[in-house]
Amino acid sequence: MTTKATGFVHKGWHQRWSARHFIPALRLRALLIGSVVVVLVSGALSIGIGTVVGFVSFRDVGYPDSANLLRIGDFVHSGRLYPDIDRPPYLVTLYGPLTYVLLAIPYKLAEAAAITPHYLVRLSIVGAVCICVLFILLVSKRLHRSRSISWLCALFAVSVCSMAGWTTVIRGDFIALAFSLLGIYVFLLTNGSPQQIGAAVCSGIAFLVKQTSLAVPIAIIIWLIYYRRYKDAIFWATGFTLTVVSGYGFAWWREPMVLKHIVALADPVLEYRGALDLIGYAVSQPVVPFAAVGGLFALWKNTPENLLFVIYCVVAWLVAILTIPQVGGAINYFWEPFFASAVLAGPGLCELKRKLNHAPILITALLFVFLLRSFLPVLQENLGDMREYYAALRDYQMRKTKWVSFVSTISGRRLLSTIPDVTYYSLVPEIPDPFLNSVLEVRGRWNSRSVASQIDAGVYDLIIVGEGQSANKGRGYRGIKKWSDEMWAALARAYWLACVFDNMEVWLPRKASEENMPSLSAIGCLASKQR
């Protein structure tokens, strides 16, 4: 009787002790998962608001939108993608030919409807982003067989805070990513030969849009070789190669200058400190640690489809890391790794939640503190971006009125500028992407001497540079200045700083007659200086 009573008392005490510790642990785990979701939602909101602000923007959303728009317009009107880079506008065709061919469609539609072209072109980029998210949903649903996990993967895909200002930038990144995701989705549907051909063609098209889109073909070939399907690997690689060769072969047949453009870009300038900063910023995104957990879980399941996607994710990160040292690289090089990681991050979060249900409360608390320290800066960045977007919308009409007045004054004049959306309005646009030209000049692929001599001669009606660039000679992104020292010296000799407008310095020629000078009041300058 005593033993039974003692056992009963001991059992009741243990139940009460477990209840006291179980409920706080449960709350802490719920708080941990909830905090992750809050960070993801804040990122998605930031991207949504940033997309709206970018779409309605009357200026370039990202560098160098206007240069790319100028190349698209040239292709629409002249049918040329690869003109002589030693003649105005001195612009090398940076992306693959299909970037400009595909974006020429909304450009033509905009002109036919009498709409400013950049709006429909931006809308096409937003559409490409939406297609990428759709493929993340489809791929995730096929791999994980769960609708809720698929939507969680999509949320991870649109939670990258740095993406907020890029969803309307006129580049080929998201178009290429859409074709890459289509390629791997088609390959996942079935391993039959017809589907392999379709996947290879899609991957080849992605490469024809952006030349760094190599993750899908490399991953699929590695996967086929791993399973000793050597004939399929050769067959698939041949389909991809023929697609790429056919695309560039057709471009070369139409325009012999294509080789000159390719050669000009073949020797990039490398810079590693900025590359390491970008890599560090990329791996600090919320999608990365959960993708690592999801990747380990996928390897533990050991199914062919999951293994293929783990290989794809790893290769996508390696391609981004290996290409980011070239000085033109920015965070957009990591869109494909982020989206690939999102497919693994959804099940990674779910698996982590399941493991925490059986983990000691101390482990949960330590993990919560770690994630809080890691994700708090991300949340602050998202909130800061949203505040900036709100301020941009609040002052939108006032800034647009000033910009329209400025454009109406400078349009039709011969301009030179370090700012692409100013160069766009020049009578003869010259060097609309000065950063790229500076990179080419470092490698001896282009020479600015002829432009410097024209600056010395005072042939430009206006020269407009970013505020402060004339003082530091334009030293900017990753150590590359936008003009040569010779051009900056010619500017100081032949022109005088007339005024500053909206963070832009307006320089006028010293020898120009008063009647040929634009009115400073019409430009809306904030301050004038004497000669």
Protein backbone atom coordinates (compact mmCIF):
# COMPACT_ATOMS: atom_id res chain seq x y z
CA MET A 1 0.00 0.00 0.00
CA THR A 2 2.80 2.33 0.89
CA THR A 3 4.71 1.45 -2.26
CA LYS A 4 1.69 2.10 -4.42
CA ALA A 5 1.05 5.36 -2.70
CA THR A 6 4.67 6.40 -3.08
CA GLY A 7 4.64 5.47 -6.76
CA PHE A 8 1.45 7.42 -7.28
CA VAL A 9 2.87 10.47 -5.60
CA HIS A 10 6.12 10.19 -7.63
CA LYS A 11 4.16 9.87 -10.89
CA GLY A 12 2.00 12.88 -10.12
CA TRP A 13 5.07 14.99 -9.26
CA HIS A 14 6.74 13.99 -12.60
CA GLN A 15 3.64 14.91 -14.60
CA ARG A 16 3.39 18.29 -12.90
CA TRP A 17 7.14 18.95 -13.56
CA SER A 18 6.80 17.94 -17.24
CA ALA A 19 3.77 20.18 -17.71
CA ARG A 20 5.59 23.17 -16.21
CA HIS A 21 8.47 22.74 -18.69
CA PHE A 22 6.54 21.49 -21.71
CA ILE A 23 4.27 24.52 -22.03
CA PRO A 24 7.11 27.14 -22.05
CA ALA A 25 9.06 24.97 -24.52
CA LEU A 26 6.02 24.75 -26.77
CA ARG A 27 5.57 28.51 -26.63
CA LEU A 28 9.25 29.10 -27.36
CA ARG A 29 9.14 26.80 -30.41
CA ALA A 30 6.01 28.53 -31.67
CA LEU A 31 7.71 31.90 -31.12
CA LEU A 32 10.79 30.71 -33.04
CA ILE A 33 8.80 29.52 -36.05
CA GLY A 34 6.56 32.59 -35.90
CA SER A 35 9.55 34.95 -35.87
CA VAL A 36 10.95 33.26 -38.99
CA VAL A 37 7.61 33.66 -40.76
CA VAL A 38 7.45 37.35 -39.73
CA VAL A 39 10.88 37.95 -41.30
CA LEU A 40 9.80 36.16 -44.48
CA VAL A 41 6.55 38.10 -44.72
CA SER A 42 8.38 41.40 -44.17
CA GLY A 43 10.67 40.51 -47.06
CA ALA A 44 7.72 39.64 -49.28
CA LEU A 45 5.97 42.92 -48.39
CA SER A 46 9.15 44.86 -49.11
CA ILE A 47 9.46 43.22 -52.53
CA GLY A 48 5.80 43.87 -53.31
CA ILE A 49 5.99 47.56 -52.40
CA GLY A 50 9.37 47.93 -54.11
CA THR A 51 7.92 46.44 -57.29
CA VAL A 52 5.08 48.98 -57.33
CA VAL A 53 7.48 51.88 -56.69
CA GLY A 54 9.88 50.63 -59.34
CA PHE A 55 7.16 50.18 -61.93
CA VAL A 56 5.84 53.75 -61.63
CA SER A 57 9.32 55.29 -61.41
CA PHE A 58 10.00 58.01 -63.98
CA ARG A 59 13.76 57.43 -63.71
CA ASP A 60 15.95 54.35 -63.92
CA VAL A 61 15.21 51.83 -61.20
CA GLY A 62 18.66 50.26 -61.46
CA TYR A 63 21.91 50.80 -63.27
CA PRO A 64 21.99 50.91 -66.30
CA ASP A 65 18.31 50.60 -67.27
CA SER A 66 18.44 53.33 -69.91
CA ALA A 67 21.50 51.83 -71.60
CA ASN A 68 19.71 48.50 -71.96
CA LEU A 69 16.54 50.27 -73.10
CA LEU A 70 18.60 52.15 -75.69
CA ARG A 71 19.98 48.87 -77.06
CA ILE A 72 16.46 47.37 -77.19
CA GLY A 73 15.21 50.45 -79.05
CA ASP A 74 18.10 50.27 -81.52
CA PHE A 75 17.23 46.64 -82.22
CA VAL A 76 13.55 47.48 -82.73
CA HIS A 77 14.27 50.32 -85.15
CA SER A 78 17.39 49.09 -86.97
CA GLY A 79 17.35 45.33 -86.41
CA ARG A 80 20.96 45.45 -85.14
CA LEU A 81 22.19 44.12 -81.83
CA TYR A 82 25.94 44.36 -82.38
CA PRO A 83 26.99 47.71 -83.88
CA ASP A 84 30.57 48.99 -83.99
CA ILE A 85 31.61 49.66 -80.38
CA ASP A 86 34.16 52.28 -81.50
CA ARG A 87 31.41 54.61 -82.72
CA PRO A 88 28.56 56.27 -80.79
CA PRO A 89 26.91 55.20 -78.60
CA TYR A 90 30.08 53.19 -77.72
CA LEU A 91 27.88 50.51 -76.14
CA VAL A 92 28.82 46.84 -75.92
CA THR A 93 25.92 44.37 -76.00
CA LEU A 94 26.38 42.92 -72.54
CA TYR A 95 23.69 40.25 -72.24
CA GLY A 96 22.82 37.35 -74.50
CA PRO A 97 20.97 38.18 -77.73
CA LEU A 98 17.64 36.75 -76.54
CA THR A 99 17.48 39.32 -73.72
CA TYR A 100 17.01 42.09 -76.26
CA VAL A 101 14.93 40.03 -78.69
CA LEU A 102 12.40 39.07 -76.01
CA LEU A 103 12.22 42.55 -74.45
CA ALA A 104 11.78 44.04 -77.92
CA ILE A 105 8.25 42.56 -77.93
CA PRO A 106 6.85 44.75 -75.11
CA TYR A 107 8.89 47.68 -76.50
CA LYS A 108 7.13 47.37 -79.88
CA LEU A 109 3.74 46.99 -78.22
CA ALA A 110 4.37 50.12 -76.14
CA GLU A 111 5.27 52.15 -79.22
CA ALA A 112 2.21 50.87 -81.05
CA ALA A 113 0.00 51.87 -78.11
CA ALA A 114 1.80 55.24 -77.65
CA ILE A 115 2.97 54.22 -74.16
CA THR A 116 6.37 55.06 -72.73
CA PRO A 117 8.32 51.85 -73.53
CA HIS A 118 9.99 51.37 -70.18
CA TYR A 119 6.63 50.74 -68.47
CA LEU A 120 5.77 47.68 -70.57
CA VAL A 121 9.37 46.46 -70.48
CA ARG A 122 9.33 46.68 -66.67
CA LEU A 123 6.00 44.87 -66.62
CA SER A 124 7.63 42.05 -68.59
CA ILE A 125 10.38 41.77 -65.98
CA VAL A 126 7.74 41.61 -63.22
CA GLY A 127 5.99 38.90 -65.24
CA ALA A 128 9.25 36.93 -65.40
CA VAL A 129 9.57 37.18 -61.60
CA CYS A 130 6.03 35.84 -61.20
CA ILE A 131 6.80 32.95 -63.56
CA CYS A 132 9.88 32.11 -61.49
CA VAL A 133 7.75 31.97 -58.33
CA LEU A 134 5.20 29.79 -60.16
CA PHE A 135 7.92 27.29 -61.10
CA ILE A 136 9.13 27.24 -57.50
CA LEU A 137 5.60 26.25 -56.51
CA LEU A 138 5.39 23.54 -59.19
CA VAL A 139 8.83 22.09 -58.49
CA SER A 140 8.26 22.15 -54.72
CA LYS A 141 4.89 20.44 -55.06
CA ARG A 142 6.44 17.68 -57.16
CA LEU A 143 9.36 17.14 -54.79
CA HIS A 144 7.58 17.48 -51.45
CA ARG A 145 4.01 16.39 -52.29
CA SER A 146 2.61 19.09 -50.00
CA ARG A 147 0.74 22.24 -50.94
CA SER A 148 1.54 24.00 -47.66
CA ILE A 149 5.28 23.31 -47.99
CA SER A 150 5.15 24.49 -51.61
CA TRP A 151 3.69 27.83 -50.58
CA LEU A 152 6.29 28.10 -47.82
CA CYS A 153 9.01 27.55 -50.45
CA ALA A 154 7.48 30.32 -52.58
CA LEU A 155 7.50 32.61 -49.53
CA PHE A 156 11.20 31.88 -49.03
CA ALA A 157 11.80 32.74 -52.71
CA VAL A 158 10.29 36.21 -52.34
CA SER A 159 11.76 36.97 -48.92
CA VAL A 160 15.24 38.08 -50.02
CA CYS A 161 15.35 41.70 -48.89
CA SER A 162 17.83 42.83 -51.56
CA MET A 163 15.45 41.70 -54.30
CA ALA A 164 13.00 44.53 -53.57
CA GLY A 165 14.78 47.02 -55.82
CA TRP A 166 15.47 44.56 -58.64
CA THR A 167 12.12 43.20 -59.75
CA THR A 168 11.63 46.01 -62.30
CA VAL A 169 15.26 46.52 -63.35
CA ILE A 170 15.66 46.13 -67.12
CA ARG A 171 18.04 43.16 -67.25
CA GLY A 172 17.88 39.56 -68.33
CA ASP A 173 18.34 37.94 -64.90
CA PHE A 174 14.77 36.88 -64.16
CA ILE A 175 14.02 35.96 -67.78
CA ALA A 176 17.01 33.62 -67.80
CA LEU A 177 16.02 32.24 -64.38
CA ALA A 178 12.50 31.53 -65.63
CA PHE A 179 13.86 29.42 -68.50
CA SER A 180 16.31 27.64 -66.17
CA LEU A 181 13.54 26.70 -63.73
CA LEU A 182 11.35 25.62 -66.65
CA GLY A 183 14.19 23.41 -67.87
CA ILE A 184 14.67 21.62 -64.56
CA TYR A 185 10.90 21.29 -64.05
CA VAL A 186 10.49 19.67 -67.46
CA PHE A 187 13.36 17.32 -66.67
CA LEU A 188 11.75 16.37 -63.35
CA LEU A 189 8.44 15.51 -64.97
CA THR A 190 9.89 12.43 -66.60
CA ASN A 191 13.24 11.10 -67.68
CA GLY A 192 12.12 10.16 -71.17
CA SER A 193 14.09 11.36 -74.20
CA PRO A 194 11.53 13.90 -75.53
CA GLN A 195 11.37 15.64 -72.17
CA GLN A 196 15.16 15.69 -71.95
CA ILE A 197 15.29 17.51 -75.28
CA GLY A 198 12.79 20.09 -74.03
CA ALA A 199 14.78 20.64 -70.84
CA ALA A 200 18.02 21.00 -72.82
CA VAL A 201 16.44 23.55 -75.16
CA CYS A 202 15.07 25.58 -72.21
CA SER A 203 18.49 25.59 -70.55
CA GLY A 204 20.11 26.67 -73.82
CA ILE A 205 17.61 29.51 -74.15
CA ALA A 206 18.46 30.61 -70.58
CA PHE A 207 22.14 30.78 -71.59
CA LEU A 208 21.21 32.81 -74.69
CA VAL A 209 19.51 35.27 -72.35
CA LYS A 210 22.30 35.46 -69.76
CA GLN A 211 25.70 33.85 -70.25
CA THR A 212 26.14 32.78 -66.61
CA SER A 213 23.03 30.55 -66.66
CA LEU A 214 24.98 27.29 -66.45
CA ALA A 215 23.74 25.74 -63.21
CA VAL A 216 20.94 23.63 -64.71
CA PRO A 217 22.96 21.98 -67.52
CA ILE A 218 25.91 21.29 -65.21
CA ALA A 219 23.65 19.84 -62.49
CA ILE A 220 21.68 17.60 -64.85
CA ILE A 221 24.81 16.25 -66.55
CA ILE A 222 26.40 15.51 -63.14
CA TRP A 223 23.20 13.75 -62.04
CA LEU A 224 23.03 11.63 -65.20
CA ILE A 225 26.68 10.65 -64.87
CA TYR A 226 26.17 9.77 -61.19
CA TYR A 227 23.46 7.31 -62.17
CA ARG A 228 25.69 6.02 -65.01
CA ARG A 229 23.34 7.18 -67.71
CA TYR A 230 26.20 8.18 -69.95
CA LYS A 231 24.27 8.09 -73.22
CA ASP A 232 21.57 10.34 -71.77
CA ALA A 233 24.25 12.71 -70.48
CA ILE A 234 25.84 12.97 -73.94
CA PHE A 235 22.42 13.30 -75.57
CA TRP A 236 21.37 16.05 -73.16
CA ALA A 237 24.67 17.95 -73.40
CA THR A 238 24.44 17.81 -77.19
CA GLY A 239 20.94 19.28 -77.14
CA PHE A 240 22.05 22.12 -74.88
CA THR A 241 25.17 22.85 -76.95
CA LEU A 242 23.29 22.81 -80.26
CA THR A 243 20.75 25.28 -78.87
CA VAL A 244 23.47 27.70 -77.78
CA VAL A 245 25.55 27.32 -80.94
CA SER A 246 22.49 27.75 -83.14
CA GLY A 247 21.48 30.93 -81.33
CA TYR A 248 24.88 32.57 -81.55
CA GLY A 249 25.44 31.18 -85.03
CA PHE A 250 22.28 32.86 -86.26
CA ALA A 251 23.32 36.12 -84.58
CA TRP A 252 26.75 35.89 -86.24
CA TRP A 253 25.17 35.19 -89.61
CA ARG A 254 23.06 38.35 -89.28
CA GLU A 255 25.71 40.55 -87.65
CA PRO A 256 29.44 39.82 -88.06
CA MET A 257 30.28 42.30 -85.25
CA VAL A 258 28.99 39.82 -82.67
CA LEU A 259 32.47 38.34 -82.27
CA LYS A 260 33.95 41.74 -81.47
CA HIS A 261 31.43 42.19 -78.66
CA ILE A 262 32.09 38.70 -77.29
CA VAL A 263 35.87 39.23 -77.38
CA ALA A 264 35.49 42.60 -75.64
CA LEU A 265 33.74 40.88 -72.72
CA ALA A 266 36.00 37.83 -72.64
CA ASP A 267 38.62 39.29 -70.28
CA PRO A 268 36.82 40.65 -67.19
CA VAL A 269 38.43 42.74 -64.46
CA LEU A 270 38.49 40.85 -61.15
CA GLU A 271 38.08 42.31 -57.67
CA TYR A 272 37.85 40.12 -54.58
CA ARG A 273 37.14 42.33 -51.56
CA GLY A 274 33.77 43.44 -52.92
CA ALA A 275 33.09 39.87 -54.01
CA LEU A 276 33.62 38.58 -50.47
CA ASP A 277 31.27 41.27 -49.12
CA LEU A 278 28.58 40.23 -51.61
CA ILE A 279 29.01 36.55 -50.76
CA GLY A 280 28.78 37.34 -47.05
CA TYR A 281 25.62 39.36 -47.62
CA ALA A 282 24.11 36.56 -49.74
CA VAL A 283 24.68 33.81 -47.18
CA SER A 284 23.14 36.01 -44.44
CA GLN A 285 19.71 35.78 -46.06
CA PRO A 286 17.06 33.75 -44.16
CA VAL A 287 16.70 31.21 -46.96
CA VAL A 288 20.28 29.94 -46.63
CA PRO A 289 20.38 28.17 -43.21
CA PHE A 290 17.00 26.52 -43.75
CA ALA A 291 18.09 25.41 -47.25
CA ALA A 292 21.11 23.75 -45.62
CA VAL A 293 18.82 21.85 -43.25
CA GLY A 294 16.49 20.97 -46.12
CA GLY A 295 19.42 19.81 -48.24
CA LEU A 296 20.61 17.42 -45.52
CA PHE A 297 17.06 16.15 -45.11
CA ALA A 298 16.79 15.60 -48.89
CA LEU A 299 20.06 13.65 -48.89
CA TRP A 300 18.80 11.52 -46.00
CA LYS A 301 15.65 10.68 -48.00
CA ASN A 302 17.98 9.65 -50.84
CA THR A 303 15.53 9.87 -53.74
CA PRO A 304 16.82 10.65 -57.25
CA GLU A 305 14.66 13.76 -57.68
CA ASN A 306 15.75 15.24 -54.35
CA LEU A 307 19.38 14.48 -55.12
CA LEU A 308 19.06 16.27 -58.48
CA PHE A 309 17.76 19.40 -56.82
CA VAL A 310 20.44 19.35 -54.11
CA ILE A 311 23.06 19.14 -56.86
CA TYR A 312 21.36 22.00 -58.73
CA CYS A 313 21.31 24.19 -55.61
CA VAL A 314 24.99 23.54 -54.85
CA VAL A 315 26.04 24.18 -58.46
CA ALA A 316 23.97 27.40 -58.59
CA TRP A 317 25.83 28.70 -55.52
CA LEU A 318 29.20 27.68 -56.96
CA VAL A 319 28.48 29.40 -60.30
CA ALA A 320 27.47 32.60 -58.48
CA ILE A 321 30.53 32.52 -56.20
CA LEU A 322 32.92 31.86 -59.08
CA THR A 323 31.49 34.62 -61.31
CA ILE A 324 30.95 37.33 -58.69
CA PRO A 325 34.65 38.42 -58.60
CA GLN A 326 34.28 40.20 -61.94
CA VAL A 327 33.74 43.86 -61.07
CA GLY A 328 30.34 44.16 -62.73
CA GLY A 329 28.90 41.49 -60.44
CA ALA A 330 26.24 42.47 -57.91
CA ILE A 331 23.71 40.72 -55.70
CA ASN A 332 21.64 39.81 -58.79
CA TYR A 333 24.18 37.04 -59.48
CA PHE A 334 22.59 35.19 -56.55
CA TRP A 335 18.97 35.14 -57.73
CA GLU A 336 19.29 31.57 -59.02
CA PRO A 337 20.95 30.25 -55.82
CA PHE A 338 18.26 32.00 -53.74
CA PHE A 339 15.39 30.51 -55.73
CA ALA A 340 16.99 27.06 -55.81
CA SER A 341 17.59 27.27 -52.06
CA ALA A 342 13.94 28.22 -51.49
CA VAL A 343 12.80 24.79 -52.71
CA LEU A 344 14.94 23.20 -49.98
CA ALA A 345 14.28 25.83 -47.30
CA GLY A 346 10.55 25.09 -46.98
CA PRO A 347 10.98 21.45 -45.94
CA GLY A 348 14.06 22.52 -43.98
CA LEU A 349 11.96 24.76 -41.73
CA CYS A 350 9.31 22.05 -41.32
CA GLU A 351 11.94 19.45 -40.47
CA LEU A 352 13.58 21.80 -37.97
CA LYS A 353 10.20 22.36 -36.30
CA ARG A 354 9.68 18.59 -36.07
CA LYS A 355 13.11 18.04 -34.55
CA LEU A 356 12.58 20.81 -32.00
CA ASN A 357 9.47 19.02 -30.71
CA HIS A 358 11.83 16.41 -29.25
CA ALA A 359 14.76 18.70 -28.38
CA PRO A 360 15.57 20.05 -24.87
CA ILE A 361 14.32 23.53 -24.15
CA LEU A 362 17.90 24.79 -23.83
CA ILE A 363 18.67 23.82 -27.42
CA THR A 364 15.52 25.58 -28.60
CA ALA A 365 16.41 28.70 -26.63
CA LEU A 366 19.95 28.80 -28.05
CA LEU A 367 18.64 28.36 -31.58
CA PHE A 368 16.10 31.13 -31.01
CA VAL A 369 18.84 33.53 -29.84
CA PHE A 370 21.02 32.60 -32.83
CA LEU A 371 18.22 33.18 -35.35
CA LEU A 372 17.20 36.41 -33.63
CA ARG A 373 20.74 37.80 -33.90
CA SER A 374 20.99 36.66 -37.52
CA PHE A 375 17.59 37.79 -38.80
CA LEU A 376 17.10 41.02 -36.86
CA PRO A 377 19.31 42.99 -39.31
CA VAL A 378 17.31 41.48 -42.19
CA LEU A 379 14.05 42.61 -40.61
CA GLN A 380 15.47 46.09 -39.99
CA GLU A 381 16.60 46.29 -43.62
CA ASN A 382 13.15 45.29 -44.85
CA LEU A 383 11.47 47.91 -42.66
CA GLY A 384 14.02 50.53 -43.77
CA ASP A 385 13.33 49.74 -47.43
CA MET A 386 9.59 50.08 -46.88
CA ARG A 387 10.09 53.49 -45.23
CA GLU A 388 12.14 54.62 -48.23
CA TYR A 389 9.48 53.40 -50.64
CA TYR A 390 6.80 55.25 -48.68
CA ALA A 391 8.86 58.44 -48.84
CA ALA A 392 9.34 57.95 -52.60
CA LEU A 393 5.59 57.59 -53.13
CA ARG A 394 4.82 60.56 -50.88
CA ASP A 395 7.10 62.91 -52.84
CA TYR A 396 6.42 61.27 -56.20
CA GLN A 397 4.51 64.05 -57.94
CA MET A 398 6.86 66.82 -56.84
CA ARG A 399 9.95 64.91 -57.99
CA LYS A 400 8.31 63.94 -61.26
CA THR A 401 7.39 67.55 -62.03
CA LYS A 402 10.99 68.66 -61.47
CA TRP A 403 12.32 65.80 -63.59
CA VAL A 404 9.94 66.51 -66.49
CA SER A 405 11.03 70.16 -66.47
CA PHE A 406 14.67 69.10 -66.43
CA VAL A 407 14.22 66.63 -69.29
CA SER A 408 12.33 69.13 -71.42
CA THR A 409 15.30 71.52 -71.10
CA ILE A 410 18.10 69.07 -71.86
CA SER A 411 16.37 66.97 -74.54
CA GLY A 412 17.59 67.46 -78.08
CA ARG A 413 20.96 68.83 -76.98
CA ARG A 414 24.24 67.03 -77.28
CA LEU A 415 24.91 65.65 -73.82
CA LEU A 416 27.56 63.64 -72.07
CA SER A 417 26.78 62.12 -68.71
CA THR A 418 27.80 59.45 -66.23
CA ILE A 419 24.06 58.89 -65.60
CA PRO A 420 22.34 56.57 -68.13
CA ASP A 421 18.84 58.06 -67.90
CA VAL A 422 20.31 61.49 -68.68
CA THR A 423 22.39 60.18 -71.59
CA TYR A 424 19.22 58.60 -72.98
CA TYR A 425 17.84 62.08 -73.85
CA SER A 426 20.94 63.24 -75.70
CA LEU A 427 20.69 64.18 -79.37
CA VAL A 428 23.37 61.53 -79.97
CA PRO A 429 23.65 59.25 -76.92
CA GLU A 430 27.28 58.52 -76.08
CA ILE A 431 28.59 56.10 -73.42
CA PRO A 432 25.21 55.27 -71.82
CA ASP A 433 26.95 52.64 -69.65
CA PRO A 434 30.17 54.39 -68.57
CA PHE A 435 31.01 51.74 -65.97
CA LEU A 436 31.16 49.03 -68.62
CA ASN A 437 33.26 51.21 -70.91
CA SER A 438 35.69 51.89 -68.07
CA VAL A 439 36.04 48.15 -67.47
CA LEU A 440 36.70 47.62 -71.18
CA GLU A 441 39.27 50.43 -71.18
CA VAL A 442 41.14 48.85 -68.27
CA ARG A 443 41.52 45.73 -70.41
CA GLY A 444 42.43 47.70 -73.56
CA ARG A 445 39.20 46.82 -75.37
CA TRP A 446 38.08 50.43 -75.77
CA ASN A 447 39.70 53.87 -75.75
CA SER A 448 38.13 57.09 -74.46
CA ARG A 449 40.70 59.40 -76.06
CA SER A 450 38.36 60.53 -78.86
CA VAL A 451 35.65 61.44 -76.31
CA ALA A 452 38.18 63.33 -74.16
CA SER A 453 39.25 65.36 -77.19
CA GLN A 454 35.61 66.30 -77.86
CA ILE A 455 35.23 67.41 -74.25
CA ASP A 456 38.34 69.56 -74.68
CA ALA A 457 36.83 71.08 -77.80
CA GLY A 458 33.60 71.93 -75.92
CA VAL A 459 31.34 70.14 -78.41
CA TYR A 460 28.85 69.01 -75.77
CA ASP A 461 26.11 71.46 -74.85
CA LEU A 462 25.88 70.03 -71.35
CA ILE A 463 27.89 67.59 -69.29
CA ILE A 464 26.03 66.14 -66.33
CA VAL A 465 27.68 63.96 -63.69
CA GLY A 466 26.70 62.68 -60.28
CA GLU A 467 27.18 65.08 -57.40
CA GLY A 468 30.71 64.77 -56.06
CA GLN A 469 32.00 62.70 -58.98
CA SER A 470 34.03 65.55 -60.42
CA ALA A 471 35.87 65.94 -57.11
CA ASN A 472 36.86 62.28 -56.77
CA LYS A 473 37.03 61.60 -60.53
CA GLY A 474 34.10 59.24 -60.45
CA ARG A 475 35.62 56.48 -58.35
CA GLY A 476 32.68 54.24 -57.63
CA TYR A 477 31.52 50.66 -57.65
CA ARG A 478 34.20 48.12 -56.73
CA GLY A 479 37.04 50.52 -57.49
CA ILE A 480 36.10 51.28 -61.11
CA LYS A 481 35.69 54.93 -62.04
CA LYS A 482 33.11 55.76 -64.69
CA TRP A 483 35.41 57.93 -66.83
CA SER A 484 39.12 57.96 -67.52
CA ASP A 485 41.41 60.50 -65.83
CA GLU A 486 41.88 62.11 -69.23
CA MET A 487 38.13 62.73 -69.57
CA TRP A 488 37.87 64.22 -66.07
CA ALA A 489 40.85 66.49 -66.76
CA ALA A 490 39.27 67.66 -70.02
CA LEU A 491 36.03 68.42 -68.16
CA ALA A 492 37.86 70.66 -65.66
CA ARG A 493 39.68 72.50 -68.47
CA ALA A 494 36.84 73.09 -70.93
CA TYR A 495 33.72 73.30 -68.73
CA TRP A 496 32.57 75.06 -65.58
CA LEU A 497 30.26 73.81 -62.86
CA ALA A 498 27.11 75.86 -63.35
CA CYS A 499 24.85 74.36 -60.73
CA VAL A 500 23.65 71.28 -58.89
CA PHE A 501 20.24 69.77 -59.56
CA ASP A 502 18.82 66.74 -57.74
CA ASN A 503 22.24 65.28 -56.86
CA MET A 504 23.56 66.00 -60.36
CA GLU A 505 26.28 68.48 -61.34
CA VAL A 506 25.48 70.48 -64.48
CA TRP A 507 28.57 71.63 -66.37
CA LEU A 508 28.51 74.17 -69.21
CA PRO A 509 31.24 74.85 -71.82
CA ARG A 510 33.47 77.84 -71.02
CA LYS A 511 33.48 79.07 -74.62
CA ALA A 512 29.73 78.77 -75.29
CA SER A 513 27.79 81.88 -76.25
CA GLU A 514 24.99 83.01 -73.96
CA GLU A 515 22.25 82.30 -76.52
CA ASN A 516 23.37 78.67 -76.83
CA MET A 517 23.29 78.10 -73.09
CA PRO A 518 20.22 76.54 -71.51
CA SER A 519 18.48 78.56 -68.82
CA LEU A 520 19.64 77.53 -65.37
CA SER A 521 16.24 78.44 -63.98
CA ALA A 522 14.60 76.18 -66.56
CA ILE A 523 16.83 73.34 -65.47
CA GLY A 524 15.75 74.01 -61.91
CA CYS A 525 19.23 74.25 -60.44
CA LEU A 526 19.48 74.50 -56.69
CA ALA A 527 22.57 76.71 -56.74
CA SER A 528 24.67 78.51 -59.33
CA LYS A 529 28.40 79.11 -59.42
CA GLN A 530 30.48 81.73 -61.16
CA ARG A 531 32.83 80.87 -63.99
